C-alpha cells in the first residue's frame, strides 16, 4: 500500500491523452493505475511499454484491466485498487471511442455504447 500518495485510476490509458495523463501523474508522484481493455492480447505491447517505463523511471504506475462499458468490469477494477491501496482518491475518466459516419446510419445498439445508461 502506498502511504500519503494520492491513488489515481486513469481510464483509456493505453494511448494518446490517457497514456500522457497516466505518465504525467505518476511522474508527479501519484500512485497511478493505467487502465485499458484486454491487457493480455490486444494491448499487450502497450502494457509492456508502460511497465518498462515504470521500472526505468521508478514510477508508481501499474496497469489494470478495465472496460468502461462493463459495470462488472468497472467494479472489479475499483475493487482491485481498493484491495491493493486501501483507497481510491481520483478517477480520470478519459476512455472514449470514435464513430465515423452519418448519424442515421448507426443502429440503436451502436449508439447505446456511446451514451451512459439511464
C-alpha atoms as a PDB file:
ATOM      1  CA  UNK A   1       0.000   0.000   0.000  1.00  0.00           C
ATOM      2  CA  UNK A   2       1.233   3.477  -0.879  1.00  0.00           C
ATOM      3  CA  UNK A   3       1.359   5.809   2.108  1.00  0.00           C
ATOM      4  CA  UNK A   4       0.472   9.502   1.688  1.00  0.00           C
ATOM      5  CA  UNK A   5       0.253   9.291  -2.088  1.00  0.00           C
ATOM      6  CA  UNK A   6      -2.953  10.078  -3.944  1.00  0.00           C
ATOM      7  CA  UNK A   7      -4.234   6.968  -5.720  1.00  0.00           C
ATOM      8  CA  UNK A   8      -5.477   7.666  -9.250  1.00  0.00           C
ATOM      9  CA  UNK A   9      -7.285   5.464 -11.767  1.00  0.00           C
ATOM     10  CA  UNK A  10      -6.998   6.660 -15.380  1.00  0.00           C
ATOM     11  CA  UNK A  11      -9.354   5.106 -17.929  1.00  0.00           C
ATOM     12  CA  UNK A  12      -8.324   4.784 -21.558  1.00  0.00           C
ATOM     13  CA  UNK A  13      -4.637   4.903 -20.637  1.00  0.00           C
ATOM     14  CA  UNK A  14      -3.426   2.659 -23.437  1.00  0.00           C
ATOM     15  CA  UNK A  15      -2.603   5.515 -25.777  1.00  0.00           C
ATOM     16  CA  UNK A  16      -2.988   9.194 -26.514  1.00  0.00           C
ATOM     17  CA  UNK A  17      -4.214  11.586 -23.850  1.00  0.00           C
ATOM     18  CA  UNK A  18      -4.944   8.818 -21.327  1.00  0.00           C
ATOM     19  CA  UNK A  19      -1.393   7.489 -21.540  1.00  0.00           C
ATOM     20  CA  UNK A  20       0.011  11.019 -21.250  1.00  0.00           C
ATOM     21  CA  UNK A  21      -2.158  11.725 -18.188  1.00  0.00           C
ATOM     22  CA  UNK A  22      -1.112   8.464 -16.519  1.00  0.00           C
ATOM     23  CA  UNK A  23       2.584   9.134 -17.128  1.00  0.00           C
ATOM     24  CA  UNK A  24       2.363  12.780 -16.094  1.00  0.00           C
ATOM     25  CA  UNK A  25       0.594  11.979 -12.826  1.00  0.00           C
ATOM     26  CA  UNK A  26       2.946   9.126 -11.966  1.00  0.00           C
ATOM     27  CA  UNK A  27       5.963  11.326 -12.700  1.00  0.00           C
ATOM     28  CA  UNK A  28       4.448  13.914 -10.341  1.00  0.00           C
ATOM     29  CA  UNK A  29       4.448  11.312  -7.564  1.00  0.00           C
ATOM     30  CA  UNK A  30       0.922   9.904  -7.677  1.00  0.00           C
ATOM     31  CA  UNK A  31       0.175   6.178  -7.454  1.00  0.00           C
ATOM     32  CA  UNK A  32      -1.441   5.603 -10.856  1.00  0.00           C
ATOM     33  CA  UNK A  33      -3.458   2.714 -12.214  1.00  0.00           C
ATOM     34  CA  UNK A  34      -3.406   2.985 -16.013  1.00  0.00           C
ATOM     35  CA  UNK A  35      -6.450   1.114 -17.251  1.00  0.00           C
ATOM     36  CA  UNK A  36      -7.263  -0.331 -20.632  1.00  0.00           C
ATOM     37  CA  UNK A  37      -9.107  -3.260 -22.164  1.00  0.00           C
ATOM     38  CA  UNK A  38      -7.605  -6.638 -22.994  1.00  0.00           C
ATOM     39  CA  UNK A  39      -4.221  -6.407 -21.259  1.00  0.00           C
ATOM     40  CA  UNK A  40      -3.075  -9.871 -22.329  1.00  0.00           C
ATOM     41  CA  UNK A  41      -3.671  -9.688 -26.071  1.00  0.00           C
ATOM     42  CA  UNK A  42      -4.763  -6.535 -27.868  1.00  0.00           C
ATOM     43  CA  UNK A  43      -2.904  -4.144 -25.556  1.00  0.00           C
ATOM     44  CA  UNK A  44      -0.021  -6.438 -24.531  1.00  0.00           C
ATOM     45  CA  UNK A  45       2.648  -4.234 -26.146  1.00  0.00           C
ATOM     46  CA  UNK A  46       1.202  -1.087 -24.538  1.00  0.00           C
ATOM     47  CA  UNK A  47       1.158  -2.752 -21.125  1.00  0.00           C
ATOM     48  CA  UNK A  48       4.753  -3.911 -21.549  1.00  0.00           C
ATOM     49  CA  UNK A  49       5.857  -0.417 -22.626  1.00  0.00           C
ATOM     50  CA  UNK A  50       4.207   1.243 -19.606  1.00  0.00           C
ATOM     51  CA  UNK A  51       5.662  -1.330 -17.215  1.00  0.00           C
ATOM     52  CA  UNK A  52       9.124  -0.817 -18.701  1.00  0.00           C
ATOM     53  CA  UNK A  53       8.850   2.962 -18.278  1.00  0.00           C
ATOM     54  CA  UNK A  54       7.644   2.491 -14.710  1.00  0.00           C
ATOM     55  CA  UNK A  55      10.690   0.344 -13.901  1.00  0.00           C
ATOM     56  CA  UNK A  56      13.157   2.621 -15.689  1.00  0.00           C
ATOM     57  CA  UNK A  57      11.836   5.793 -14.040  1.00  0.00           C
ATOM     58  CA  UNK A  58      10.890   4.192 -10.702  1.00  0.00           C
ATOM     59  CA  UNK A  59       7.266   5.303 -11.111  1.00  0.00           C
ATOM     60  CA  UNK A  60       4.277   4.291  -9.011  1.00  0.00           C
ATOM     61  CA  UNK A  61       2.451   3.112 -12.138  1.00  0.00           C
ATOM     62  CA  UNK A  62       0.500  -0.108 -12.527  1.00  0.00           C
ATOM     63  CA  UNK A  63      -1.694  -1.328 -15.356  1.00  0.00           C
ATOM     64  CA  UNK A  64      -5.173  -2.662 -14.730  1.00  0.00           C
ATOM     65  CA  UNK A  65      -7.822  -4.288 -16.918  1.00  0.00           C
ATOM     66  CA  UNK A  66     -10.918  -2.118 -17.328  1.00  0.00           C
ATOM     67  CA  UNK A  67     -13.616  -1.868 -19.974  1.00  0.00           C
ATOM     68  CA  UNK A  68     -15.797   1.118 -19.078  1.00  0.00           C
ATOM     69  CA  UNK A  69     -18.714  -0.442 -20.981  1.00  0.00           C
ATOM     70  CA  UNK A  70     -18.862  -3.247 -18.403  1.00  0.00           C
ATOM     71  CA  UNK A  71     -20.326  -2.416 -14.997  1.00  0.00           C
ATOM     72  CA  UNK A  72     -18.923  -5.681 -13.630  1.00  0.00           C
ATOM     73  CA  UNK A  73     -15.501  -4.835 -15.081  1.00  0.00           C
ATOM     74  CA  UNK A  74     -15.578  -1.351 -13.567  1.00  0.00           C
ATOM     75  CA  UNK A  75     -16.437  -2.720 -10.136  1.00  0.00           C
ATOM     76  CA  UNK A  76     -13.711  -5.368 -10.408  1.00  0.00           C
ATOM     77  CA  UNK A  77     -11.091  -2.733 -11.242  1.00  0.00           C
ATOM     78  CA  UNK A  78     -12.164  -0.489  -8.357  1.00  0.00           C
ATOM     79  CA  UNK A  79     -12.162  -3.485  -6.005  1.00  0.00           C
ATOM     80  CA  UNK A  80      -8.635  -4.388  -7.108  1.00  0.00           C
ATOM     81  CA  UNK A  81      -7.365  -0.853  -6.449  1.00  0.00           C
ATOM     82  CA  UNK A  82      -9.085  -0.786  -3.052  1.00  0.00           C
ATOM     83  CA  UNK A  83      -7.635  -4.196  -2.145  1.00  0.00           C
ATOM     84  CA  UNK A  84      -4.114  -3.096  -3.091  1.00  0.00           C
ATOM     85  CA  UNK A  85      -4.156   0.517  -1.870  1.00  0.00           C
ATOM     86  CA  UNK A  86      -6.981   0.743   0.654  1.00  0.00           C
ATOM     87  CA  UNK A  87      -8.456   3.724  -1.145  1.00  0.00           C
ATOM     88  CA  UNK A  88      -9.078   5.389  -4.494  1.00  0.00           C
ATOM     89  CA  UNK A  89      -8.760   9.180  -4.447  1.00  0.00           C
ATOM     90  CA  UNK A  90      -9.222  10.240  -8.073  1.00  0.00           C
ATOM     91  CA  UNK A  91     -10.711   8.788 -11.260  1.00  0.00           C
ATOM     92  CA  UNK A  92      -9.785  10.387 -14.578  1.00  0.00           C
ATOM     93  CA  UNK A  93     -12.461   9.194 -16.996  1.00  0.00           C
ATOM     94  CA  UNK A  94     -10.645   9.544 -20.292  1.00  0.00           C
ATOM     95  CA  UNK A  95     -11.907   6.435 -22.111  1.00  0.00           C
ATOM     96  CA  UNK A  96     -13.557   7.221 -25.388  1.00  0.00           C
ATOM     97  CA  UNK A  97     -14.415   5.885 -28.763  1.00  0.00           C
ATOM     98  CA  UNK A  98     -14.731   7.252 -32.256  1.00  0.00           C
ATOM     99  CA  UNK A  99     -17.583   6.517 -34.598  1.00  0.00           C
ATOM    100  CA  UNK A 100     -17.412   7.923 -38.109  1.00  0.00           C
ATOM    101  CA  UNK A 101     -20.345   8.176 -40.472  1.00  0.00           C
ATOM    102  CA  UNK A 102     -23.807   9.583 -40.898  1.00  0.00           C
ATOM    103  CA  UNK A 103     -25.749   9.644 -37.642  1.00  0.00           C
ATOM    104  CA  UNK A 104     -28.758   7.968 -39.209  1.00  0.00           C
ATOM    105  CA  UNK A 105     -26.610   5.030 -40.315  1.00  0.00           C
ATOM    106  CA  UNK A 106     -25.855   3.897 -36.743  1.00  0.00           C
ATOM    107  CA  UNK A 107     -28.017   1.296 -35.032  1.00  0.00           C
ATOM    108  CA  UNK A 108     -29.529   1.851 -31.589  1.00  0.00           C
ATOM    109  CA  UNK A 109     -27.107  -0.755 -30.222  1.00  0.00           C
ATOM    110  CA  UNK A 110     -24.076   1.104 -31.631  1.00  0.00           C
ATOM    111  CA  UNK A 111     -25.230   4.434 -30.223  1.00  0.00           C
ATOM    112  CA  UNK A 112     -26.068   2.915 -26.827  1.00  0.00           C
ATOM    113  CA  UNK A 113     -22.364   2.114 -26.386  1.00  0.00           C
ATOM    114  CA  UNK A 114     -21.605   5.837 -26.596  1.00  0.00           C
ATOM    115  CA  UNK A 115     -24.150   7.035 -24.039  1.00  0.00           C
ATOM    116  CA  UNK A 116     -24.382   6.450 -20.309  1.00  0.00           C
ATOM    117  CA  UNK A 117     -27.342   4.217 -19.452  1.00  0.00           C
ATOM    118  CA  UNK A 118     -30.187   5.732 -17.501  1.00  0.00           C
END
